[in-house]
Protein backbone atom coordinates (compact mmCIF):
# COMPACT_ATOMS: atom_id res chain seq x y z
CA MET A 1 108.56 66.26 66.21
CA ALA A 2 111.08 69.06 66.83
CA GLY A 3 114.70 68.39 67.08
CA GLY A 4 113.96 64.60 67.25
CA ARG A 5 112.04 65.13 70.47
CA ARG A 6 108.71 63.55 71.01
CA TYR A 7 105.75 66.07 71.51
CA ARG A 8 104.48 65.53 75.00
CA PRO A 9 101.57 67.58 76.36
CA VAL A 10 101.95 68.34 80.03
CA ARG A 11 98.78 70.02 81.25
CA ARG A 12 97.02 66.80 82.47
CA HIS A 13 100.09 65.98 84.55
CA LEU A 14 100.03 69.36 86.42
CA THR A 15 98.35 68.35 89.56
CA PRO A 16 97.50 70.85 92.25
CA GLU A 17 100.56 69.86 94.18
CA ILE A 18 102.84 70.31 91.20
CA ARG A 19 101.30 73.69 90.41
CA GLU A 20 101.79 74.95 94.02
CA ARG A 21 105.44 73.78 93.88
CA PHE A 22 105.99 75.43 90.60
CA TRP A 23 104.88 78.90 91.55
CA LYS A 24 106.78 78.75 94.86
CA LYS A 25 109.99 78.66 92.52
CA VAL A 26 108.86 81.83 90.75
CA LYS A 27 109.87 85.24 91.96
CA ARG A 28 106.91 87.23 90.62
CA GLY A 29 107.16 91.00 89.72
CA GLY A 30 104.47 93.15 88.37
CA GLU A 31 102.41 92.15 85.45
CA ASP A 32 104.92 93.77 82.98
CA GLU A 33 108.03 92.84 84.80
CA CYS A 34 110.13 89.67 84.58
CA TRP A 35 109.11 86.64 86.76
CA LEU A 36 112.38 85.03 87.69
CA TRP A 37 112.68 81.16 87.90
CA GLN A 38 114.39 80.20 91.04
CA GLY A 39 114.85 76.52 90.29
CA ALA A 40 117.24 74.58 87.94
CA LEU A 41 118.66 76.46 85.05
CA SER A 42 120.01 75.27 81.65
CA GLY A 43 123.57 76.08 80.60
CA ASP A 44 122.21 79.33 78.91
CA GLY A 45 120.33 80.43 82.01
CA ARG A 46 116.80 79.36 81.08
CA GLY A 47 114.58 77.83 83.64
CA LEU A 48 114.07 74.03 83.73
CA CYS A 49 111.02 72.26 85.36
CA TYR A 50 110.97 68.52 86.09
CA ILE A 51 107.39 67.11 86.20
CA THR A 52 107.20 63.80 88.14
CA GLY A 53 104.48 61.28 88.49
CA VAL A 54 104.09 60.68 84.73
CA PRO A 55 103.33 57.07 83.75
CA GLY A 56 106.15 55.34 81.92
CA THR A 57 108.92 57.71 82.87
CA ARG A 58 110.66 59.10 85.82
CA TYR A 59 109.82 62.63 84.90
CA ILE A 60 109.31 64.98 81.96
CA GLN A 61 111.75 67.95 81.63
CA LYS A 62 110.18 71.11 80.27
CA ALA A 63 111.22 74.76 79.99
CA ALA A 64 109.88 76.52 83.02
CA ALA A 65 108.45 79.19 80.76
CA HIS A 66 106.49 76.63 78.81
CA VAL A 67 104.99 75.36 82.04
CA ALA A 68 104.06 78.78 83.12
CA TRP A 69 102.34 79.55 79.84
CA THR A 70 100.44 76.30 80.09
CA LEU A 71 99.27 77.22 83.53
CA GLU A 72 98.32 80.75 82.55
CA HIS A 73 96.29 79.76 79.58
CA GLU A 74 95.07 76.32 80.90
CA MET A 75 96.12 74.71 77.58
CA ASP A 76 98.96 72.79 76.12
CA LEU A 77 101.20 74.67 73.67
CA PRO A 78 100.14 73.01 70.46
CA GLU A 79 102.53 70.79 68.63
CA GLY A 80 104.67 72.63 66.05
CA LEU A 81 104.72 75.86 68.05
CA VAL A 82 107.27 77.34 70.34
CA LEU A 83 107.55 80.19 72.78
CA LYS A 84 109.83 83.07 71.86
CA ARG A 85 110.95 85.27 74.86
CA THR A 86 110.48 88.95 74.25
CA CYS A 87 112.51 90.29 77.28
CA ASP A 88 116.18 90.13 78.25
CA GLY A 89 115.78 87.96 81.30
CA SER A 90 116.92 84.35 80.31
CA ALA A 91 115.32 82.97 83.51
CA CYS A 92 112.08 84.88 82.93
CA VAL A 93 108.84 82.85 82.97
CA ASN A 94 106.22 85.60 82.71
CA PRO A 95 103.72 84.45 80.10
CA ALA A 96 103.34 88.07 79.02
CA HIS A 97 106.97 88.08 78.07
CA HIS A 98 106.64 85.12 75.71
CA GLU A 99 104.98 84.96 72.32
CA VAL A 100 103.94 81.93 70.31
CA SER A 101 105.73 81.26 67.07
CA ARG A 102 106.14 78.35 64.75
CA LEU A 103 109.06 76.05 64.79
CA PRO A 104 111.91 76.88 62.30
CA GLY A 105 111.50 74.79 59.26
CA ARG A 106 107.83 74.30 59.61
CA ARG A 107 105.52 75.82 57.01
CA ALA A 108 105.00 79.43 58.29
CA GLY A 109 101.66 79.75 56.54
CA ALA A 110 102.59 83.35 56.29
CA LEU A 111 99.11 84.48 57.24
CA THR A 112 98.36 88.26 56.56
CA ASP A 113 96.70 90.30 59.27
CA ALA A 114 93.51 90.21 57.14
CA GLN A 115 93.52 86.41 57.16
CA VAL A 116 94.02 86.23 60.92
CA ARG A 117 91.01 88.62 61.30
CA GLU A 118 88.99 86.27 58.93
CA ILE A 119 89.86 83.31 61.13
CA ARG A 120 88.82 85.05 64.25
CA GLU A 121 85.63 86.17 62.86
CA ARG A 122 84.75 82.76 61.59
CA ALA A 123 85.74 80.81 64.57
CA GLY A 124 82.61 79.46 66.32
CA GLU A 125 80.73 78.99 63.12
CA GLU A 126 83.33 76.62 61.71
CA THR A 127 85.66 74.15 63.36
CA LEU A 128 89.31 75.03 63.99
CA SER A 129 90.40 72.00 61.85
CA ALA A 130 88.25 73.33 58.91
CA LEU A 131 89.82 76.67 59.13
CA ALA A 132 93.30 75.04 59.53
CA ARG A 133 92.78 73.08 56.19
CA GLU A 134 91.53 76.09 54.30
CA TYR A 135 94.47 78.44 55.48
CA GLY A 136 97.18 75.74 55.29
CA VAL A 137 98.09 75.76 59.01
CA THR A 138 97.51 73.32 62.03
CA SER A 139 94.44 73.44 64.03
CA GLY A 140 96.63 74.08 67.13
CA TYR A 141 97.94 77.29 65.41
CA VAL A 142 94.41 78.41 64.60
CA GLY A 143 93.50 77.86 68.20
CA VAL A 144 96.29 80.25 69.50
CA LEU A 145 95.25 82.78 67.00
CA VAL A 146 91.46 82.67 67.94
CA TYR A 147 92.34 82.75 71.62
CA GLY A 148 94.84 85.85 71.05
CA HIS A 149 97.85 83.85 72.20
CA ALA A 150 99.58 84.84 68.89
CA ARG A 151 99.27 87.63 66.36
CA ARG A 152 97.17 89.64 68.84
CA ASP A 153 97.97 92.89 67.09
CA ALA A 154 96.58 91.58 63.90
CA GLY A 155 92.97 92.58 64.96
CA GLY A 156 89.76 90.79 64.86
CA PRO A 157 87.52 89.47 67.91
CA ILE A 158 89.60 87.65 70.45
CA LYS A 159 87.63 84.86 71.94
CA SER A 160 87.78 82.88 75.19
CA GLU A 161 86.89 79.17 74.93
CA ARG A 162 83.59 79.79 76.65
CA GLU A 163 82.62 82.10 73.72
CA LEU A 164 83.17 79.36 71.21
CA VAL A 165 79.89 77.77 71.66
CA LEU A 166 79.31 74.51 69.93
CA THR A 167 76.28 74.30 67.60
CA ASP A 168 73.88 71.37 68.11
CA GLU A 169 75.09 69.83 64.85
CA GLN A 170 78.66 69.87 66.06
CA VAL A 171 77.63 68.25 69.50
CA ARG A 172 75.82 65.50 67.49
CA GLU A 173 78.97 65.01 65.35
CA ILE A 174 81.10 64.68 68.58
CA ARG A 175 78.78 62.11 70.01
CA ALA A 176 78.62 60.16 66.84
CA ARG A 177 82.52 59.90 66.74
CA LYS A 178 82.69 58.47 70.29
CA GLY A 179 85.17 55.49 70.21
CA LYS A 180 86.43 56.70 66.75
CA ALA A 181 88.51 59.51 68.07
CA THR A 182 90.06 60.35 71.46
CA GLY A 183 88.80 63.14 73.62
CA SER A 184 91.99 65.14 73.03
CA GLU A 185 91.65 64.77 69.30
CA LEU A 186 88.01 66.08 69.43
CA ALA A 187 89.03 68.88 71.67
CA ARG A 188 91.73 70.11 69.26
CA GLU A 189 89.41 69.76 66.24
CA TYR A 190 86.51 71.69 67.88
CA GLY A 191 88.53 74.14 69.73
CA VAL A 192 87.38 73.21 73.34
CA ASN A 193 89.08 71.52 76.23
CA ARG A 194 88.89 67.77 77.01
CA SER A 195 86.58 68.14 79.89
CA THR A 196 83.97 69.85 77.66
CA ILE A 197 84.23 66.88 75.32
CA GLY A 198 83.76 64.53 78.35
CA TYR A 199 80.70 66.20 79.45
CA ILE A 200 79.14 66.15 76.06
CA LEU A 201 79.86 62.48 75.55
CA ARG A 202 78.52 61.52 79.00
CA GLY A 203 75.30 63.60 78.42
CA VAL A 204 76.11 65.86 81.28
CA ALA A 205 76.24 68.94 78.95
CA ARG A 206 74.04 69.79 75.96
CA ARG A 207 71.52 67.01 76.61
CA GLY A 208 69.06 68.64 74.19
CA ALA A 209 71.39 68.72 71.39
CA GLY A 210 70.50 65.22 70.01
CA GLU A 211 67.95 62.61 70.49
CA LYS A 212 70.65 59.90 71.48
CA GLU A 213 72.50 60.37 74.67
CA HIS A 214 75.76 58.67 75.09
CA ARG A 215 76.92 57.60 78.63
CA ASP A 216 80.02 55.98 79.93
CA GLY A 217 79.61 52.39 81.03
């Protein structure tokens, strides 16, 4: 929990309507130019986005740059990580102008470039959580390293989620843990999104990975 605030993922709340409204408030430039937020601003000029329709609260307030990053990469920024703006535009939300870094005070797990390359090379053969334990960082941080959202210049193979193919053994492990861990927890551990976990648990995907098929209901 950073600054006493509770970590709240937002991706699942970003409905098509919210996504459309969000981008209407962004003045886009070229890929390398600032994309300026046209909505509410904080006292220091940063964009603020209010996400409504969230159960249990009137809205969630998030930095507009955070929401833009989430939409661009179709994943929540993992807990313990923040976005650091690399340009001079305080209202800029261009994901290319923000890099992922760790919260001040958290163990930086000062990984060398060689270690980052090792993690990227081993991803897909080992789970993100196993790599995180070995290197002393969070699985979320391993994920952003593997997908190239942080330390891109360190080298090593950058993977998309589709390239991180689960082995049959991992699929069987996921099915065996149905009801013991949430879809989000399994997704973070195995480095895939929740929909992939859902398809596996329902037997829609990877039916031949195990003898026992698990279906909802």
